[in-house]
Amino acid sequence: MPSVDKEMRDMIREAVGDIADEYDSTYWREHVDAKQFPEEYWQDLADNGWLGVAIPEAYGGEGMGMHEMTIVIEELSRGGGQGGIIFVLTPVFGGIGIQRHGTESQKQAYLPKIANGEMRFCMGLTEPRAGTNTLNIDTHAERDGSEFVIDGQKTFISGVENADSMLLIARTTAFDRSNPTHGVTMFLVDDPASRDGISLTELDTTVQWFERQYQVDIDGLRVHEDHILGAEDGGLYLLFDTLNTERIGGAASALGGGLRAIDLAVEYANDREVFGQPIGSHQAIQHPLAEHYAKLMAARQITYEAASKWDDGEDCGMEANAAKLLTSEFATEAASQAIQTHGGNGFTREYEVYDIWQNMRLTQTAPVSNEMVKNFIAEHHLGLPRSY
């Protein structure tokens, strides 16, 4: 991967911010209300090379890295709407995972289409019974010649209705306590919403997203062995690697959302006058916003460090989890303060900050709860006993 200097990263930030500015709150509100994928926005990102920012040039990408992708996600999220969420689903789940663990044939088939906007991804991991215990998943795949027959159920699966492929996690060997990490396999399932053997049930959630959440029932789904990502039975550690990028991408999205809330609060505090002066002139308004901004700037640094370590091939588990933890909490706090700054207007859709708070609050729970993140840090970095 070529070295990218600060000047180039600043240019990336500015260019991506310019694209985000072209899609205002009305555009996003219309797509959220209609549960409609933002096609124009997506293609604009593709045409300007941002969907392929971390994909090698040989496969149609820009040949940069996770650090640059993190900046892209942050700026799209800070620009408003849900552009950051888009990146976590496709360039992270699909692009990074296949680039890192795919066969040459898989790279040729998928990566150029991700870079040019032709292909979208989702991930099928979460299950009703397993929750965050991936080792306990019930979805299983039985070999039948050169194919696998897959049965099971996934829940809270985002974007499956628009996905051209799903990264589906299943057991190919029964759980064995003597070798607990063995037996998990990752499959690339093309056209998941229209495949025989897959049925979708929409879940009723309150979060304001353009994407729907689904329960995915899998019954007799047949997938060829060529669509295994990585090795049969050896997918768990590859999955952990993919989930680290999900943590980093999710942290960047939360970071941008928190900064968006601060930006809107500052704008409102400068414009809103009470008793003959802007409310932003009062320290009761200034100090909380300054504190939340400082926290987000600190969280940004560990997010970037996680991305840089991933690019350098180093273990980034601590940094990725810390970034996820801190950005989710600090962004939620910032959005809450933005609501308070707006007063009654903070609870209207016109001023956007309540919608931001809902989305930021979700990041404390998904894609993994902050409690599990703290468990990881306590066990693996503080040396405390395993608590679960």
Protein backbone atom coordinates (compact mmCIF):
# COMPACT_ATOMS: atom_id res chain seq x y z
CA MET A 1 0.00 0.00 0.00
CA PRO A 2 1.49 3.39 -0.96
CA SER A 3 2.22 5.91 1.79
CA VAL A 4 -0.38 8.68 2.12
CA ASP A 5 0.77 11.96 3.68
CA LYS A 6 -1.20 14.47 5.73
CA GLU A 7 -1.72 16.80 2.78
CA MET A 8 -3.39 14.02 0.81
CA ARG A 9 -5.57 13.09 3.77
CA ASP A 10 -6.65 16.70 4.16
CA MET A 11 -7.57 16.74 0.47
CA ILE A 12 -9.59 13.55 0.96
CA ARG A 13 -11.44 15.12 3.89
CA GLU A 14 -12.28 18.25 1.87
CA ALA A 15 -13.34 16.38 -1.27
CA VAL A 16 -15.59 13.95 0.60
CA GLY A 17 -17.07 16.80 2.63
CA ASP A 18 -17.94 18.59 -0.62
CA ILE A 19 -19.89 15.55 -1.84
CA ALA A 20 -21.74 15.19 1.46
CA ASP A 21 -22.72 18.88 1.33
CA GLU A 22 -24.59 18.27 -1.93
CA TYR A 23 -27.11 16.00 -0.17
CA ASP A 24 -29.08 18.02 2.36
CA SER A 25 -31.31 16.95 5.23
CA THR A 26 -34.37 16.98 2.95
CA TYR A 27 -32.75 14.38 0.66
CA TRP A 28 -32.00 12.08 3.56
CA ARG A 29 -35.37 12.58 5.26
CA GLU A 30 -37.16 11.61 2.05
CA HIS A 31 -35.09 8.44 1.72
CA VAL A 32 -35.48 7.52 5.38
CA ASP A 33 -39.25 8.03 5.29
CA ALA A 34 -39.57 5.97 2.11
CA LYS A 35 -37.02 3.35 3.29
CA GLN A 36 -35.35 3.95 -0.07
CA PHE A 37 -31.68 3.35 -0.82
CA PRO A 38 -29.88 6.63 -1.75
CA GLU A 39 -28.93 5.62 -5.30
CA GLU A 40 -27.66 9.04 -6.46
CA TYR A 41 -25.49 9.46 -3.39
CA TRP A 42 -24.07 5.95 -3.75
CA GLN A 43 -23.18 6.42 -7.40
CA ASP A 44 -21.65 9.83 -6.71
CA LEU A 45 -19.32 8.19 -4.19
CA ALA A 46 -18.46 5.47 -6.70
CA ASP A 47 -17.85 7.88 -9.57
CA ASN A 48 -15.43 9.87 -7.41
CA GLY A 49 -13.53 6.76 -6.33
CA TRP A 50 -14.51 6.73 -2.67
CA LEU A 51 -16.17 3.30 -2.58
CA GLY A 52 -12.85 1.86 -3.70
CA VAL A 53 -10.61 4.00 -1.52
CA ALA A 54 -9.04 0.96 0.20
CA ILE A 55 -9.27 -1.45 -2.75
CA PRO A 56 -5.99 -2.04 -4.67
CA GLU A 57 -5.63 -0.28 -8.00
CA ALA A 58 -5.32 -3.66 -9.74
CA TYR A 59 -8.99 -4.27 -8.87
CA GLY A 60 -10.29 -0.82 -9.78
CA GLY A 61 -9.72 0.93 -6.47
CA GLU A 62 -7.63 3.83 -5.23
CA GLY A 63 -5.04 1.66 -3.46
CA MET A 64 -5.13 3.50 -0.15
CA GLY A 65 -5.92 2.02 3.27
CA MET A 66 -8.16 1.76 6.28
CA HIS A 67 -6.91 5.09 7.62
CA GLU A 68 -8.13 6.88 4.50
CA MET A 69 -11.39 4.94 4.56
CA THR A 70 -11.88 6.04 8.16
CA ILE A 71 -11.57 9.67 7.10
CA VAL A 72 -14.10 9.10 4.32
CA ILE A 73 -16.61 7.50 6.70
CA GLU A 74 -16.15 10.24 9.30
CA GLU A 75 -16.67 13.05 6.79
CA LEU A 76 -19.71 11.44 5.18
CA SER A 77 -21.27 11.01 8.61
CA ARG A 78 -20.35 14.54 9.65
CA GLY A 79 -21.91 15.85 6.45
CA GLY A 80 -25.32 14.55 7.53
CA GLY A 81 -27.51 11.65 6.54
CA GLN A 82 -26.29 8.08 6.80
CA GLY A 83 -23.37 7.88 4.43
CA GLY A 84 -21.10 6.47 7.13
CA ILE A 85 -23.42 3.50 7.65
CA ILE A 86 -23.24 2.71 3.92
CA PHE A 87 -19.48 2.33 4.12
CA VAL A 88 -19.54 -0.05 7.05
CA LEU A 89 -21.83 -2.41 5.15
CA THR A 90 -20.15 -2.63 1.76
CA PRO A 91 -16.53 -1.42 1.45
CA VAL A 92 -15.79 -2.79 4.96
CA PHE A 93 -17.71 -6.09 5.05
CA GLY A 94 -17.21 -6.83 1.37
CA GLY A 95 -14.18 -4.92 0.14
CA ILE A 96 -11.85 -5.31 3.10
CA GLY A 97 -12.86 -8.89 3.87
CA ILE A 98 -12.42 -10.15 0.31
CA GLN A 99 -9.25 -8.17 -0.24
CA ARG A 100 -7.74 -9.66 2.91
CA HIS A 101 -9.01 -13.25 2.73
CA GLY A 102 -10.46 -13.92 -0.71
CA THR A 103 -9.10 -16.10 -3.49
CA GLU A 104 -7.82 -14.44 -6.63
CA SER A 105 -11.02 -15.48 -8.40
CA GLN A 106 -13.14 -13.89 -5.67
CA LYS A 107 -11.12 -10.69 -5.77
CA GLN A 108 -11.57 -10.43 -9.53
CA ALA A 109 -15.29 -11.11 -9.26
CA TYR A 110 -16.16 -8.80 -6.37
CA LEU A 111 -13.67 -6.00 -5.79
CA PRO A 112 -14.09 -4.08 -9.10
CA LYS A 113 -17.86 -4.16 -8.66
CA ILE A 114 -17.58 -2.80 -5.11
CA ALA A 115 -15.30 -0.02 -6.30
CA ASN A 116 -17.59 1.07 -9.14
CA GLY A 117 -20.76 0.94 -7.05
CA GLU A 118 -22.27 -2.06 -8.82
CA MET A 119 -22.22 -4.33 -5.74
CA ARG A 120 -23.55 -3.89 -2.20
CA PHE A 121 -22.97 -6.11 0.80
CA CYS A 122 -24.54 -7.07 4.10
CA MET A 123 -23.44 -9.43 6.87
CA GLY A 124 -25.44 -12.36 8.26
CA LEU A 125 -23.96 -13.01 11.70
CA THR A 126 -26.30 -12.16 14.60
CA GLU A 127 -28.67 -14.86 15.83
CA PRO A 128 -31.55 -14.77 18.34
CA ARG A 129 -30.08 -17.40 20.68
CA ALA A 130 -26.37 -16.72 20.30
CA GLY A 131 -26.38 -12.94 20.67
CA THR A 132 -22.76 -11.83 21.00
CA ASN A 133 -21.55 -15.42 21.55
CA THR A 134 -20.55 -16.22 17.98
CA LEU A 135 -19.29 -19.67 19.00
CA ASN A 136 -22.87 -20.55 19.91
CA ILE A 137 -24.48 -19.90 16.53
CA ASP A 138 -27.08 -22.45 15.40
CA THR A 139 -26.88 -21.81 11.65
CA HIS A 140 -25.12 -24.83 10.20
CA ALA A 141 -23.91 -25.97 6.80
CA GLU A 142 -23.70 -29.62 5.75
CA ARG A 143 -21.46 -30.59 2.85
CA ASP A 144 -23.17 -32.25 -0.12
CA GLY A 145 -20.50 -32.93 -2.72
CA SER A 146 -19.10 -29.59 -3.87
CA GLU A 147 -21.96 -27.67 -2.23
CA PHE A 148 -23.10 -26.88 1.28
CA VAL A 149 -26.72 -27.02 2.43
CA ILE A 150 -27.32 -24.29 5.01
CA ASP A 151 -30.10 -24.02 7.60
CA GLY A 152 -30.60 -21.52 10.39
CA GLN A 153 -31.85 -18.08 11.32
CA LYS A 154 -30.25 -14.63 11.54
CA THR A 155 -31.75 -11.50 13.07
CA PHE A 156 -31.26 -7.73 12.92
CA ILE A 157 -29.65 -8.02 9.50
CA SER A 158 -29.26 -4.58 7.92
CA GLY A 159 -29.41 -3.89 4.21
CA VAL A 160 -30.19 -7.42 3.06
CA GLU A 161 -33.04 -6.18 0.86
CA ASN A 162 -30.56 -4.09 -1.17
CA ALA A 163 -27.55 -6.41 -0.95
CA ASP A 164 -26.01 -8.08 -3.99
CA SER A 165 -24.11 -10.42 -1.68
CA MET A 166 -24.18 -11.42 1.98
CA LEU A 167 -21.26 -12.54 4.11
CA LEU A 168 -23.02 -15.40 5.90
CA ILE A 169 -21.50 -17.02 8.99
CA ALA A 170 -22.35 -20.68 9.69
CA ARG A 171 -21.01 -23.71 11.52
CA THR A 172 -19.57 -26.43 9.29
CA THR A 173 -18.45 -28.53 12.26
CA ALA A 174 -20.28 -28.89 15.57
CA PHE A 175 -18.99 -26.94 18.54
CA ASP A 176 -16.26 -28.77 20.46
CA ARG A 177 -15.17 -27.36 23.83
CA SER A 178 -11.70 -28.86 23.37
CA ASN A 179 -11.27 -26.81 20.17
CA PRO A 180 -13.88 -24.04 20.41
CA THR A 181 -12.60 -21.80 17.61
CA HIS A 182 -12.75 -24.60 15.02
CA GLY A 183 -15.74 -25.17 12.78
CA VAL A 184 -16.96 -21.68 11.78
CA THR A 185 -17.04 -20.83 8.05
CA MET A 186 -17.78 -17.65 6.13
CA PHE A 187 -19.82 -17.92 2.90
CA LEU A 188 -20.41 -15.39 0.14
CA VAL A 189 -24.10 -15.67 -0.73
CA ASP A 190 -25.03 -13.74 -3.85
CA ASP A 191 -28.49 -12.17 -4.34
CA PRO A 192 -29.61 -13.13 -0.82
CA ALA A 193 -33.05 -11.52 -0.96
CA SER A 194 -34.08 -13.55 -4.01
CA ARG A 195 -32.39 -16.89 -3.30
CA ASP A 196 -34.29 -20.12 -2.88
CA GLY A 197 -33.84 -21.16 0.71
CA ILE A 198 -33.90 -17.61 2.14
CA SER A 199 -36.97 -15.76 3.43
CA LEU A 200 -37.04 -12.29 4.99
CA THR A 201 -39.27 -10.92 7.75
CA GLU A 202 -39.03 -7.21 8.42
CA LEU A 203 -38.53 -6.22 12.05
CA ASP A 204 -40.39 -3.28 13.56
CA THR A 205 -37.74 -0.90 14.93
CA THR A 206 -37.89 2.78 15.93
CA VAL A 207 -34.52 3.88 14.55
CA GLN A 208 -34.78 6.36 11.67
CA TRP A 209 -32.80 4.59 8.91
CA PHE A 210 -33.28 4.22 5.19
CA GLU A 211 -32.47 0.54 5.70
CA ARG A 212 -34.85 -2.02 7.04
CA GLN A 213 -33.89 -4.61 9.67
CA TYR A 214 -34.74 -8.23 8.94
CA GLN A 215 -35.00 -11.67 10.40
CA VAL A 216 -33.45 -13.99 7.81
CA ASP A 217 -34.72 -17.58 7.80
CA ILE A 218 -32.48 -20.04 5.96
CA ASP A 219 -33.87 -23.41 4.92
CA GLY A 220 -31.99 -25.64 2.50
CA LEU A 221 -29.86 -22.85 1.01
CA ARG A 222 -27.27 -24.34 -1.34
CA VAL A 223 -23.88 -22.60 -1.67
CA HIS A 224 -20.94 -23.87 -3.72
CA GLU A 225 -17.62 -24.43 -1.96
CA ASP A 226 -16.04 -21.83 -4.25
CA HIS A 227 -18.04 -19.25 -2.30
CA ILE A 228 -16.28 -19.93 0.99
CA LEU A 229 -14.31 -16.86 2.10
CA GLY A 230 -11.10 -18.14 3.64
CA ALA A 231 -10.94 -21.76 4.76
CA GLU A 232 -13.67 -24.24 5.65
CA ASP A 233 -13.88 -24.54 9.45
CA GLY A 234 -11.24 -21.80 9.80
CA GLY A 235 -13.35 -18.70 9.52
CA LEU A 236 -13.50 -17.54 13.13
CA TYR A 237 -10.18 -15.69 13.23
CA LEU A 238 -10.85 -14.26 9.78
CA LEU A 239 -14.21 -13.09 11.12
CA PHE A 240 -12.51 -11.41 14.07
CA ASP A 241 -10.27 -9.59 11.61
CA THR A 242 -13.35 -8.44 9.69
CA LEU A 243 -15.05 -7.37 12.92
CA ASN A 244 -12.05 -5.21 13.84
CA THR A 245 -12.60 -3.27 10.62
CA GLU A 246 -16.29 -3.07 11.49
CA ARG A 247 -15.36 -1.59 14.88
CA ILE A 248 -13.11 0.98 13.19
CA GLY A 249 -15.65 1.87 10.52
CA GLY A 250 -18.44 2.08 13.09
CA ALA A 251 -16.27 4.30 15.29
CA ALA A 252 -15.62 6.63 12.36
CA SER A 253 -19.34 6.81 11.63
CA ALA A 254 -20.18 7.59 15.27
CA LEU A 255 -17.36 10.15 15.41
CA GLY A 256 -18.77 11.95 12.38
CA GLY A 257 -22.28 11.84 13.83
CA GLY A 258 -21.11 13.32 17.11
CA LEU A 259 -19.25 16.09 15.31
CA ARG A 260 -22.35 16.72 13.18
CA ALA A 261 -24.36 17.24 16.36
CA ILE A 262 -21.75 19.70 17.69
CA ASP A 263 -21.69 21.57 14.37
CA LEU A 264 -25.47 21.97 14.40
CA ALA A 265 -25.50 23.04 18.04
CA VAL A 266 -22.81 25.68 17.44
CA GLU A 267 -24.68 27.03 14.42
CA TYR A 268 -27.91 27.24 16.40
CA ALA A 269 -26.19 28.80 19.44
CA ASN A 270 -24.71 31.53 17.25
CA ASP A 271 -28.02 32.30 15.55
CA ARG A 272 -30.52 31.97 18.40
CA GLU A 273 -30.87 35.19 20.43
CA VAL A 274 -32.50 35.45 23.85
CA PHE A 275 -32.38 38.56 26.05
CA GLY A 276 -30.62 40.49 23.30
CA GLN A 277 -27.62 38.23 22.67
CA PRO A 278 -26.82 34.84 21.12
CA ILE A 279 -27.29 31.96 23.55
CA GLY A 280 -23.79 30.80 22.52
CA SER A 281 -22.33 33.72 24.46
CA HIS A 282 -23.31 32.02 27.72
CA GLN A 283 -20.88 29.60 29.35
CA ALA A 284 -23.73 27.23 30.21
CA ILE A 285 -23.98 26.64 26.46
CA GLN A 286 -20.29 27.01 25.57
CA HIS A 287 -18.66 24.78 28.15
CA PRO A 288 -20.60 21.54 27.54
CA LEU A 289 -20.14 21.84 23.79
CA ALA A 290 -16.42 22.52 24.20
CA GLU A 291 -16.07 19.51 26.50
CA HIS A 292 -17.90 17.15 24.15
CA TYR A 293 -15.87 18.41 21.19
CA ALA A 294 -12.63 17.78 23.08
CA LYS A 295 -13.74 14.24 23.91
CA LEU A 296 -14.54 13.55 20.26
CA MET A 297 -11.15 14.87 19.18
CA ALA A 298 -9.47 12.49 21.62
CA ALA A 299 -11.60 9.58 20.37
CA ARG A 300 -10.64 10.50 16.81
CA GLN A 301 -6.98 9.89 17.60
CA ILE A 302 -7.46 6.34 18.84
CA THR A 303 -9.75 5.63 15.88
CA TYR A 304 -7.02 6.75 13.49
CA GLU A 305 -4.43 4.76 15.45
CA ALA A 306 -6.57 1.62 15.10
CA ALA A 307 -6.86 2.18 11.36
CA SER A 308 -3.13 2.80 10.95
CA LYS A 309 -2.23 -0.34 12.90
CA TRP A 310 -4.60 -2.36 10.73
CA ASP A 311 -2.94 -0.94 7.61
CA ASP A 312 0.48 -1.88 9.00
CA GLY A 313 -0.64 -5.46 9.69
CA GLU A 314 -0.40 -5.02 13.46
CA ASP A 315 -2.84 -6.28 16.08
CA CYS A 316 -5.37 -3.46 16.47
CA GLY A 317 -7.89 -5.22 18.72
CA MET A 318 -7.34 -2.91 21.70
CA GLU A 319 -7.47 0.28 19.64
CA ALA A 320 -10.44 -0.83 17.52
CA ASN A 321 -12.49 -1.76 20.57
CA ALA A 322 -11.48 1.37 22.50
CA ALA A 323 -12.42 3.49 19.48
CA LYS A 324 -15.82 1.83 19.26
CA LEU A 325 -16.42 2.31 22.99
CA LEU A 326 -15.34 5.94 23.22
CA THR A 327 -16.89 7.25 20.01
CA SER A 328 -20.26 5.65 20.76
CA GLU A 329 -20.41 7.13 24.26
CA PHE A 330 -18.98 10.55 23.39
CA ALA A 331 -21.14 10.91 20.27
CA THR A 332 -24.30 10.06 22.20
CA GLU A 333 -23.37 12.63 24.86
CA ALA A 334 -22.67 15.25 22.18
CA ALA A 335 -26.01 14.62 20.48
CA SER A 336 -27.82 14.87 23.82
CA GLN A 337 -26.15 18.21 24.49
CA ALA A 338 -27.07 19.38 21.00
CA ILE A 339 -30.72 18.63 21.80
CA GLN A 340 -30.43 20.61 25.04
CA THR A 341 -28.83 23.52 23.16
CA HIS A 342 -31.76 23.60 20.75
CA GLY A 343 -34.35 23.54 23.54
CA GLY A 344 -37.79 22.51 22.27
CA ASN A 345 -36.55 22.68 18.68
CA GLY A 346 -34.19 19.82 19.50
CA PHE A 347 -37.13 17.41 19.43
CA THR A 348 -38.31 18.37 15.95
CA ARG A 349 -37.18 16.58 12.80
CA GLU A 350 -36.42 19.91 11.14
CA TYR A 351 -33.41 20.46 13.37
CA GLU A 352 -32.07 16.90 12.94
CA VAL A 353 -30.33 16.54 16.32
CA TYR A 354 -32.84 14.13 17.85
CA ASP A 355 -32.46 11.78 14.89
CA ILE A 356 -28.69 11.97 15.37
CA TRP A 357 -29.11 11.10 19.06
CA GLN A 358 -31.17 8.00 18.18
CA ASN A 359 -28.54 6.77 15.75
CA MET A 360 -25.67 7.51 18.13
CA ARG A 361 -27.41 5.78 21.02
CA LEU A 362 -27.71 2.67 18.87
CA THR A 363 -23.93 2.56 18.44
CA GLN A 364 -23.57 1.76 22.15
CA THR A 365 -25.46 -1.48 21.53
CA ALA A 366 -24.69 -2.44 17.94
CA PRO A 367 -22.86 -4.02 16.25
CA VAL A 368 -21.59 -5.16 19.66
CA SER A 369 -22.54 -3.90 23.10
CA ASN A 370 -20.15 -1.68 24.98
CA GLU A 371 -20.26 -4.17 27.84
CA MET A 372 -18.68 -6.82 25.61
CA VAL A 373 -16.07 -4.31 24.47
CA LYS A 374 -15.17 -3.66 28.12
CA ASN A 375 -15.00 -7.42 28.74
CA PHE A 376 -12.50 -7.74 25.90
CA ILE A 377 -10.30 -4.92 27.19
CA ALA A 378 -10.46 -6.19 30.78
CA GLU A 379 -9.53 -9.76 29.86
CA HIS A 380 -7.04 -9.28 27.05
CA HIS A 381 -5.34 -6.04 28.08
CA LEU A 382 -5.73 -5.79 31.85
CA GLY A 383 -5.26 -9.48 32.60
CA LEU A 384 -8.51 -9.83 34.53
CA PRO A 385 -10.36 -13.18 34.65
CA ARG A 386 -12.79 -13.99 31.86
CA SER A 387 -16.23 -12.90 33.05
CA TYR A 388 -18.53 -14.63 30.60
